[in-house]
Amino acid sequence: MPPFPRPIDSGVRHEVVRGLQIVWLAFLGGVGLYTLLLMLLSSQSDTADGTLGDTLRPIFWVLAALLAIVSLIWRQVVADIDHRQQTTNTRGFTRLRVACLITWALCEGIAILGIALGFVTHQFTDYFPFVVVAIVMLFLHRPTNWPIERFLRQELG
C-alpha cells in the first residue's frame, strides 16, 4: 500500500511531514525524559563504587562513538542512493522514512548508553556528555535536513 494516496495533495503532504517531525520530537523528548529520570535518581542515591564505572566509561564512549558514526554512514548511504536516482517513487519514499527512523533511533541509543552508565555509577556527570552528543546528533539529522519535501514535491508535480 502506498504511503499516501494518488494524487497527493498539499494537505496530505503537510500531514506526512508533520508526522515525521512529531516522531523526531518524540526521540528528542525521550532524551529529555532520560535526563530528568537520571537527575532524580542520582540526587537520591548513595555514591557507588567507582571501579565498575571506571571500567565501563571508555567502553560506553566507544559504543556511543560507533552509534554516531553508524548514523552518519547510514544517512550518507541512503542519501547517496536517493541522490543518484534523481527520481522519486513510493518505494523510495518508504525507504527514506525508514532511514529517518533508523537514524534517529541510533542517535537515541547514545543517550540510552549514557543513562545506563549513569545508573551504574549513580553520577549525573557520567550521563551529561552522552545527552549532549545525542541532542547534537538528533539536530544534525532533523527532518528538515532530509529530502522529505523534495520527495513530496515531486509526487505533487
Protein backbone atom coordinates (compact mmCIF):
# COMPACT_ATOMS: atom_id res chain seq x y z
CA MET A 1 0.00 0.00 0.00
CA PRO A 2 1.47 3.38 -0.94
CA PRO A 3 2.37 5.75 1.91
CA PHE A 4 -0.03 8.34 0.52
CA PRO A 5 -2.97 8.31 -1.91
CA ARG A 6 -2.54 9.29 -5.55
CA PRO A 7 -2.61 12.11 -6.49
CA ILE A 8 -1.12 13.59 -3.35
CA ASP A 9 -2.46 16.97 -2.31
CA SER A 10 -0.78 19.60 -0.18
CA GLY A 11 -2.82 18.63 2.90
CA VAL A 12 -1.54 15.05 2.76
CA ARG A 13 1.99 16.31 2.12
CA HIS A 14 1.80 18.51 5.19
CA GLU A 15 0.43 15.58 7.22
CA VAL A 16 3.32 13.30 6.18
CA VAL A 17 5.94 15.92 7.00
CA ARG A 18 4.23 16.74 10.29
CA GLY A 19 4.14 13.05 11.21
CA LEU A 20 7.90 12.67 10.72
CA GLN A 21 8.52 15.86 12.69
CA ILE A 22 6.44 14.50 15.58
CA VAL A 23 8.40 11.23 15.58
CA TRP A 24 11.67 13.19 15.63
CA LEU A 25 10.40 15.33 18.52
CA ALA A 26 9.47 12.15 20.39
CA PHE A 27 13.05 10.88 20.05
CA LEU A 28 14.32 14.26 21.28
CA GLY A 29 11.80 14.25 24.12
CA GLY A 30 12.97 10.79 25.14
CA VAL A 31 16.45 12.18 25.72
CA GLY A 32 14.95 14.86 27.96
CA LEU A 33 12.95 12.28 29.89
CA TYR A 34 16.07 10.17 30.45
CA THR A 35 17.85 13.26 31.74
CA LEU A 36 15.09 14.09 34.22
CA LEU A 37 14.86 10.50 35.42
CA LEU A 38 18.59 10.17 35.97
CA MET A 39 18.79 13.55 37.72
CA LEU A 40 16.09 12.46 40.15
CA LEU A 41 17.66 9.07 40.79
CA SER A 42 21.24 10.29 41.11
CA SER A 43 20.30 13.02 43.58
CA GLN A 44 18.71 10.46 45.92
CA SER A 45 21.29 7.69 45.73
CA ASP A 46 24.50 6.99 47.56
CA THR A 47 27.79 7.19 45.72
CA ALA A 48 28.67 3.89 44.12
CA ASP A 49 31.97 2.11 43.99
CA GLY A 50 33.94 3.77 41.18
CA THR A 51 35.71 0.68 39.84
CA LEU A 52 32.86 -0.55 37.66
CA GLY A 53 32.23 2.98 36.38
CA ASP A 54 35.92 3.41 35.57
CA THR A 55 35.81 0.18 33.58
CA LEU A 56 32.58 0.97 31.74
CA ARG A 57 33.18 4.63 30.86
CA PRO A 58 35.62 4.03 27.98
CA ILE A 59 33.55 1.10 26.69
CA PHE A 60 30.38 3.17 26.63
CA TRP A 61 32.18 6.10 24.98
CA VAL A 62 33.45 3.81 22.23
CA LEU A 63 29.94 2.40 21.75
CA ALA A 64 28.46 5.91 21.63
CA ALA A 65 31.05 6.97 19.06
CA LEU A 66 30.21 3.90 16.98
CA LEU A 67 26.50 4.75 17.08
CA ALA A 68 27.23 8.32 15.97
CA ILE A 69 29.46 7.13 13.12
CA VAL A 70 26.95 4.49 12.01
CA SER A 71 24.17 7.11 11.97
CA LEU A 72 26.29 9.34 9.73
CA ILE A 73 27.27 6.47 7.42
CA TRP A 74 23.72 5.12 7.29
CA ARG A 75 22.37 8.51 6.35
CA GLN A 76 25.09 9.11 3.75
CA VAL A 77 24.48 5.76 2.07
CA VAL A 78 20.75 6.38 1.88
CA ALA A 79 21.24 9.98 0.72
CA ASP A 80 23.67 8.91 -2.00
CA ILE A 81 21.33 6.23 -3.29
CA ASP A 82 18.44 8.70 -3.44
CA HIS A 83 20.61 11.42 -4.99
CA ARG A 84 21.81 9.18 -7.82
CA GLN A 85 18.30 8.08 -8.76
CA GLN A 86 17.07 11.68 -9.18
CA THR A 87 13.55 10.28 -9.26
CA THR A 88 11.05 9.53 -6.59
CA ASN A 89 8.64 6.73 -6.20
CA THR A 90 6.63 5.15 -3.43
CA ARG A 91 9.36 2.63 -2.64
CA GLY A 92 11.98 5.37 -2.44
CA PHE A 93 9.86 7.45 -0.09
CA THR A 94 9.17 4.45 2.14
CA ARG A 95 12.91 3.76 2.27
CA LEU A 96 13.51 7.40 3.19
CA ARG A 97 11.03 7.25 6.07
CA VAL A 98 12.61 4.05 7.39
CA ALA A 99 16.06 5.62 7.07
CA CYS A 100 14.90 8.60 9.14
CA LEU A 101 13.58 6.36 11.90
CA ILE A 102 16.69 4.17 11.98
CA THR A 103 18.99 7.19 12.08
CA TRP A 104 17.03 8.81 14.90
CA ALA A 105 16.98 5.53 16.85
CA LEU A 106 20.78 5.27 16.53
CA CYS A 107 21.10 8.79 17.94
CA GLU A 108 18.70 7.93 20.76
CA GLY A 109 20.88 4.91 21.53
CA ILE A 110 23.68 7.27 22.54
CA ALA A 111 21.50 8.73 25.29
CA ILE A 112 20.41 5.24 26.35
CA LEU A 113 24.06 4.25 26.76
CA GLY A 114 24.57 7.32 28.90
CA ILE A 115 21.60 6.58 31.12
CA ALA A 116 22.81 3.00 31.60
CA LEU A 117 26.23 4.31 32.63
CA GLY A 118 24.58 6.85 34.92
CA PHE A 119 22.57 4.10 36.60
CA VAL A 120 25.72 2.07 37.20
CA THR A 121 27.82 4.94 38.54
CA HIS A 122 24.99 6.94 40.17
CA GLN A 123 26.52 10.12 38.76
CA PHE A 124 24.69 12.54 36.53
CA THR A 125 28.00 13.84 35.22
CA ASP A 126 28.60 10.48 33.52
CA TYR A 127 25.34 10.86 31.61
CA PHE A 128 25.62 14.53 30.63
CA PRO A 129 28.17 14.16 27.78
CA PHE A 130 26.07 11.39 26.23
CA VAL A 131 22.94 13.56 26.25
CA VAL A 132 24.83 16.44 24.63
CA VAL A 133 26.12 14.17 21.86
CA ALA A 134 22.67 12.61 21.37
CA ILE A 135 20.98 16.01 21.08
CA VAL A 136 23.63 17.29 18.67
CA MET A 137 23.25 14.17 16.51
CA LEU A 138 19.45 14.44 16.54
CA PHE A 139 19.66 18.08 15.45
CA LEU A 140 22.15 17.12 12.77
CA HIS A 141 19.62 14.58 11.46
CA ARG A 142 16.49 16.71 11.99
CA PRO A 143 13.63 16.29 9.49
CA THR A 144 14.47 19.49 7.59
CA ASN A 145 17.90 18.02 6.72
CA TRP A 146 16.33 15.08 4.87
CA PRO A 147 14.95 15.31 1.31
CA ILE A 148 11.38 14.70 2.51
CA GLU A 149 9.99 17.85 0.92
CA ARG A 150 11.72 17.06 -2.40
CA PHE A 151 10.12 13.63 -2.49
CA LEU A 152 6.69 15.01 -1.74
CA ARG A 153 7.02 17.95 -4.17
CA GLN A 154 7.87 15.59 -6.99
CA GLU A 155 4.85 13.49 -6.11
CA LEU A 156 2.70 16.63 -6.35
CA GLY A 157 4.23 17.63 -9.68
